[in-house]
Amino acid sequence: MDRPLIQIKCPAKINLYLRVLGKRPDGFHQLETVFQSISIFDEITWENSSVPWTLTVEGGPDFGQENLVRRAATLFMQETGVTLRGHSILKKNIPIGGGLGGGSSDAAGMLLICKQLFPATQGTVLQKAATMLGSDVPFFLTNGCSWGRGRGEILLPCTWKLSVKQGFVIVPPFGLSTAEVFAALTASPWDKSNLLTALPSVSEAQIGFNDLFEPACRVSQRLKSFAKSLQATIPDGQVFMTGSGSSFIWLSKSERVPNDLNDVLESLSANVLPFTFWP
């Protein structure tokens, strides 16, 4: 009997707080961040088939074998010894290169489809595969709000009760390379003895703190200029960069973008996407 059609929503994420504690011996950076999934989604559809698994990408570039959905499927088969037979369609809506985690979310979505197809698969297999695929991927197996530590793959529950749980993603007409932003970061070596044993105390006033903002501005003068234009228009410093850029977040109770800000965003050729925290 054919298995039913499977559809998975793959949400974007924002970083409400991002601190870099130092550079590790393995070349990665030790992070402390708060992930929050939001209501902007890619979608993966699974259709059963008798032929080896294939993928079609709609609404964005395919990236070939570097596509994280393909890598997730391949890694799952390697880790479990199963053979996937079917066809998937990845529909892209999350902006690429904006620090919103679209590729990582898609990879996690594919792993969750594999889990549905093979429910006896142990959760440790998914966790291992997610960690191998990327630092953000483990978060997308659960979504919601989490503290991320290590490279971001060590997750702890986050119980922040924020007064604003919606807003706008402001996407400039250019992306940034995560690798280039981290390369521009001046970070001292990280010592394991400095590992925090408890969650840091972060107030709502610290939402938007991002150690990667300054190196991102050094990498891209366009980003620096874009940020200045936003900060001059949005009141009370309520706009901040998420992840390694290039997207900015404005947490706001407003349901519409004010006309004066709309004019600025149009002049900057920026795209504006409303969102709420999800789920």
Protein backbone atom coordinates (compact mmCIF):
# COMPACT_ATOMS: atom_id res chain seq x y z
CA MET A 1 0.00 0.00 0.00
CA ASP A 2 1.30 3.45 -0.89
CA ARG A 3 2.06 5.70 2.00
CA PRO A 4 0.02 8.93 2.09
CA LEU A 5 1.35 12.26 0.94
CA ILE A 6 3.51 13.95 3.59
CA GLN A 7 3.81 17.73 3.86
CA ILE A 8 6.19 19.44 6.28
CA LYS A 9 6.33 23.14 7.09
CA CYS A 10 9.91 24.36 7.49
CA PRO A 11 9.88 27.63 9.45
CA ALA A 12 12.43 30.41 9.41
CA LYS A 13 14.19 31.38 12.62
CA ILE A 14 15.41 34.58 14.16
CA ASN A 15 18.10 35.08 16.79
CA LEU A 16 16.68 37.19 19.60
CA TYR A 17 20.12 37.30 21.24
CA LEU A 18 23.52 36.20 19.96
CA ARG A 19 26.78 36.32 21.86
CA VAL A 20 30.12 34.90 20.66
CA LEU A 21 32.16 33.59 23.60
CA GLY A 22 35.34 32.84 21.65
CA LYS A 23 36.94 30.73 18.94
CA ARG A 24 37.28 27.01 19.60
CA PRO A 25 40.25 24.78 18.73
CA ASP A 26 38.12 23.09 16.03
CA GLY A 27 37.76 26.41 14.18
CA PHE A 28 34.12 26.97 15.14
CA HIS A 29 32.97 29.70 17.52
CA GLN A 30 31.38 29.07 20.90
CA LEU A 31 27.97 30.70 20.86
CA GLU A 32 25.21 31.62 23.22
CA THR A 33 21.99 32.47 21.42
CA VAL A 34 18.21 32.43 21.64
CA PHE A 35 16.50 30.83 18.64
CA GLN A 36 12.87 31.60 17.86
CA SER A 37 10.99 30.05 14.95
CA ILE A 38 8.62 32.34 13.04
CA SER A 39 5.69 32.03 10.68
CA ILE A 40 7.58 32.28 7.39
CA PHE A 41 7.87 28.84 5.82
CA ASP A 42 9.45 26.72 3.15
CA GLU A 43 7.56 23.47 2.51
CA ILE A 44 8.65 19.96 1.62
CA THR A 45 6.21 17.48 0.09
CA TRP A 46 6.84 13.74 -0.07
CA GLU A 47 5.18 11.49 -2.65
CA ASN A 48 5.74 7.74 -2.62
CA SER A 49 7.31 6.09 -5.64
CA SER A 50 8.97 2.83 -6.69
CA VAL A 51 12.12 4.60 -7.94
CA PRO A 52 15.04 5.97 -5.89
CA TRP A 53 14.32 9.27 -4.20
CA THR A 54 14.53 12.49 -6.21
CA LEU A 55 14.07 16.17 -5.36
CA THR A 56 12.63 19.13 -7.26
CA VAL A 57 13.18 22.68 -6.00
CA GLU A 58 10.67 25.42 -6.75
CA GLY A 59 11.02 29.13 -6.02
CA GLY A 60 14.79 29.18 -5.55
CA PRO A 61 18.14 27.76 -6.67
CA ASP A 62 18.71 24.02 -6.45
CA PHE A 63 22.42 23.96 -5.38
CA GLY A 64 22.75 20.39 -6.66
CA GLN A 65 24.42 17.93 -4.29
CA GLU A 66 25.10 20.78 -1.85
CA ASN A 67 21.37 21.24 -1.31
CA LEU A 68 20.84 20.50 2.39
CA VAL A 69 17.69 18.50 1.70
CA ARG A 70 19.65 16.14 -0.55
CA ARG A 71 22.45 15.96 2.00
CA ALA A 72 19.93 15.18 4.76
CA ALA A 73 18.33 12.36 2.75
CA THR A 74 21.73 10.92 1.82
CA LEU A 75 22.98 11.08 5.40
CA PHE A 76 19.81 9.44 6.73
CA MET A 77 20.23 6.55 4.29
CA GLN A 78 23.89 6.18 5.26
CA GLU A 79 23.13 6.19 8.98
CA THR A 80 20.19 3.76 8.80
CA GLY A 81 20.93 1.57 5.78
CA VAL A 82 17.46 2.16 4.32
CA THR A 83 16.75 3.22 0.74
CA LEU A 84 14.38 6.11 0.17
CA ARG A 85 12.01 5.65 -2.74
CA GLY A 86 9.85 8.59 -3.63
CA HIS A 87 9.85 12.16 -4.84
CA SER A 88 10.03 15.40 -2.87
CA ILE A 89 9.21 18.95 -3.86
CA LEU A 90 10.88 21.76 -1.92
CA LYS A 91 9.00 25.06 -2.22
CA LYS A 92 11.24 27.99 -1.22
CA ASN A 93 9.78 31.08 0.44
CA ILE A 94 12.41 31.94 3.06
CA PRO A 95 14.93 34.46 1.68
CA ILE A 96 18.35 32.96 0.95
CA GLY A 97 21.48 34.42 2.55
CA GLY A 98 19.48 36.45 5.05
CA GLY A 99 20.40 34.70 8.31
CA LEU A 100 16.93 33.14 8.62
CA GLY A 101 18.06 29.50 8.52
CA GLY A 102 16.03 28.38 5.53
CA GLY A 103 18.47 25.71 4.35
CA SER A 104 18.90 24.32 7.87
CA SER A 105 15.13 24.23 8.38
CA ASP A 106 14.69 22.38 5.07
CA ALA A 107 17.28 19.80 6.13
CA ALA A 108 15.47 19.23 9.42
CA GLY A 109 12.17 18.96 7.54
CA MET A 110 13.60 16.19 5.38
CA LEU A 111 14.83 14.33 8.47
CA LEU A 112 11.35 14.62 10.01
CA ILE A 113 9.84 13.16 6.83
CA CYS A 114 12.30 10.26 7.09
CA LYS A 115 11.22 9.75 10.69
CA GLN A 116 7.58 9.52 9.58
CA LEU A 117 8.47 7.05 6.83
CA PHE A 118 10.55 4.94 9.24
CA PRO A 119 9.04 5.52 12.70
CA ALA A 120 11.28 2.92 14.33
CA THR A 121 14.28 5.19 13.69
CA GLN A 122 15.84 6.24 16.97
CA GLY A 123 15.82 9.92 17.83
CA THR A 124 19.58 9.79 18.34
CA VAL A 125 20.00 9.06 14.63
CA LEU A 126 18.13 12.25 13.73
CA GLN A 127 20.09 14.28 16.27
CA LYS A 128 23.41 12.96 14.98
CA ALA A 129 22.46 13.64 11.37
CA ALA A 130 21.19 17.12 12.21
CA THR A 131 24.41 18.05 14.00
CA MET A 132 26.50 16.78 11.09
CA LEU A 133 24.46 18.84 8.63
CA GLY A 134 24.83 22.20 10.38
CA SER A 135 24.86 24.08 13.65
CA ASP A 136 21.26 25.36 13.32
CA VAL A 137 19.70 22.12 12.08
CA PRO A 138 19.09 20.47 15.51
CA PHE A 139 16.95 23.45 16.58
CA PHE A 140 14.59 22.93 13.66
CA LEU A 141 13.76 19.39 14.78
CA THR A 142 11.72 20.95 17.60
CA ASN A 143 11.28 24.70 16.81
CA GLY A 144 9.66 27.12 19.24
CA CYS A 145 12.10 29.01 21.46
CA SER A 146 15.42 27.56 22.69
CA TRP A 147 18.75 28.58 24.14
CA GLY A 148 21.49 27.45 21.77
CA ARG A 149 24.99 26.79 23.04
CA GLY A 150 28.16 25.20 21.67
CA ARG A 151 28.02 25.92 17.93
CA GLY A 152 24.29 26.37 18.47
CA GLU A 153 23.55 22.63 18.47
CA ILE A 154 23.29 22.24 22.27
CA LEU A 155 19.72 23.23 23.07
CA LEU A 156 18.01 24.11 26.34
CA PRO A 157 14.40 25.19 26.95
CA CYS A 158 13.79 28.92 26.88
CA THR A 159 10.84 30.31 28.81
CA TRP A 160 11.07 33.99 27.93
CA LYS A 161 7.71 35.72 28.20
CA LEU A 162 8.02 38.60 25.79
CA SER A 163 5.53 41.41 25.50
CA VAL A 164 5.81 41.42 21.68
CA LYS A 165 5.67 38.18 19.69
CA GLN A 166 5.27 39.49 16.18
CA GLY A 167 6.84 41.92 13.80
CA PHE A 168 8.49 42.23 10.40
CA VAL A 169 11.51 40.71 8.72
CA ILE A 170 13.21 43.37 6.63
CA VAL A 171 15.27 41.78 3.85
CA PRO A 172 17.79 43.90 1.92
CA PRO A 173 18.37 43.19 -1.79
CA PHE A 174 21.63 41.38 -1.02
CA GLY A 175 22.79 38.51 1.15
CA LEU A 176 25.88 37.88 3.25
CA SER A 177 28.23 34.92 3.55
CA THR A 178 28.16 33.43 7.05
CA ALA A 179 31.77 32.29 6.64
CA GLU A 180 32.92 35.81 5.68
CA VAL A 181 31.14 37.39 8.64
CA PHE A 182 32.69 34.96 11.11
CA ALA A 183 36.09 35.47 9.46
CA ALA A 184 35.77 39.21 10.14
CA LEU A 185 34.99 38.61 13.80
CA THR A 186 37.79 39.29 16.26
CA ALA A 187 37.38 36.60 18.90
CA SER A 188 39.83 35.44 21.53
CA PRO A 189 40.38 31.70 22.02
CA TRP A 190 37.64 30.03 24.02
CA ASP A 191 38.57 28.00 27.07
CA LYS A 192 36.33 25.13 28.18
CA SER A 193 36.92 26.20 31.76
CA ASN A 194 34.83 29.27 30.97
CA LEU A 195 31.78 27.14 30.16
CA LEU A 196 28.77 28.63 31.88
CA THR A 197 27.03 26.17 34.17
CA ALA A 198 23.77 28.09 34.21
CA LEU A 199 21.77 30.05 31.68
CA PRO A 200 22.80 33.68 31.50
CA SER A 201 20.51 36.34 32.85
CA VAL A 202 19.22 38.26 29.85
CA SER A 203 16.52 40.87 30.16
CA GLU A 204 13.98 41.79 27.52
CA ALA A 205 15.92 45.03 27.10
CA GLN A 206 18.82 42.98 25.69
CA ILE A 207 16.77 41.47 22.88
CA GLY A 208 18.53 42.18 19.60
CA PHE A 209 22.07 42.03 21.00
CA ASN A 210 24.22 40.50 18.27
CA ASP A 211 28.00 40.15 18.35
CA LEU A 212 28.00 39.52 14.60
CA PHE A 213 26.55 42.89 13.64
CA GLU A 214 29.83 44.83 13.67
CA PRO A 215 31.82 42.23 11.68
CA ALA A 216 28.92 42.04 9.20
CA CYS A 217 29.18 45.80 8.73
CA ARG A 218 32.93 45.44 8.13
CA VAL A 219 32.24 42.80 5.49
CA SER A 220 29.55 44.87 3.76
CA GLN A 221 29.36 48.66 3.58
CA ARG A 222 25.96 48.17 1.95
CA LEU A 223 24.73 46.47 5.13
CA LYS A 224 26.16 49.26 7.30
CA SER A 225 24.37 51.89 5.22
CA PHE A 226 21.16 49.83 5.16
CA ALA A 227 21.21 49.51 8.96
CA LYS A 228 21.71 53.26 9.45
CA SER A 229 18.70 54.01 7.27
CA LEU A 230 16.51 51.62 9.27
CA GLN A 231 17.74 52.87 12.64
CA ALA A 232 17.02 56.46 11.64
CA THR A 233 13.40 55.59 10.81
CA ILE A 234 12.31 52.91 13.30
CA PRO A 235 11.82 54.42 16.79
CA ASP A 236 13.60 53.46 20.02
CA GLY A 237 16.26 51.26 18.43
CA GLN A 238 13.81 48.39 18.00
CA VAL A 239 15.45 46.96 14.85
CA PHE A 240 18.29 44.44 14.93
CA MET A 241 20.16 42.08 12.63
CA THR A 242 19.46 38.37 12.96
CA GLY A 243 22.14 35.68 12.78
CA SER A 244 25.03 36.60 10.50
CA GLY A 245 22.76 38.84 8.38
CA SER A 246 21.66 40.25 6.12
CA SER A 247 18.04 40.36 7.39
CA PHE A 248 16.84 42.71 10.11
CA ILE A 249 14.04 42.16 12.60
CA TRP A 250 11.58 44.72 13.88
CA LEU A 251 9.51 43.39 16.77
CA SER A 252 6.33 45.45 16.74
CA LYS A 253 2.68 45.24 17.77
CA SER A 254 1.83 47.15 14.60
CA GLU A 255 0.07 45.17 11.88
CA ARG A 256 1.14 47.58 9.16
CA VAL A 257 4.40 49.24 8.27
CA PRO A 258 4.08 53.05 8.70
CA ASN A 259 4.08 55.09 5.50
CA ASP A 260 7.35 56.88 6.29
CA LEU A 261 9.12 53.54 6.83
CA ASN A 262 7.51 52.11 3.68
CA ASP A 263 9.00 54.99 1.71
CA VAL A 264 12.45 54.28 3.14
CA LEU A 265 12.18 50.55 2.45
CA GLU A 266 11.06 51.17 -1.13
CA SER A 267 14.04 53.45 -1.67
CA LEU A 268 16.29 50.66 -0.34
CA SER A 269 14.60 47.99 -2.53
CA ALA A 270 13.94 46.01 0.66
CA ASN A 271 11.39 43.24 1.04
CA VAL A 272 9.18 43.25 4.17
CA LEU A 273 7.64 40.05 5.54
CA PRO A 274 5.24 40.10 8.53
CA PHE A 275 5.53 37.26 11.03
CA THR A 276 4.45 35.93 14.39
CA PHE A 277 6.36 33.62 16.69
CA TRP A 278 5.68 29.99 15.74
CA PRO A 279 4.32 27.62 16.89
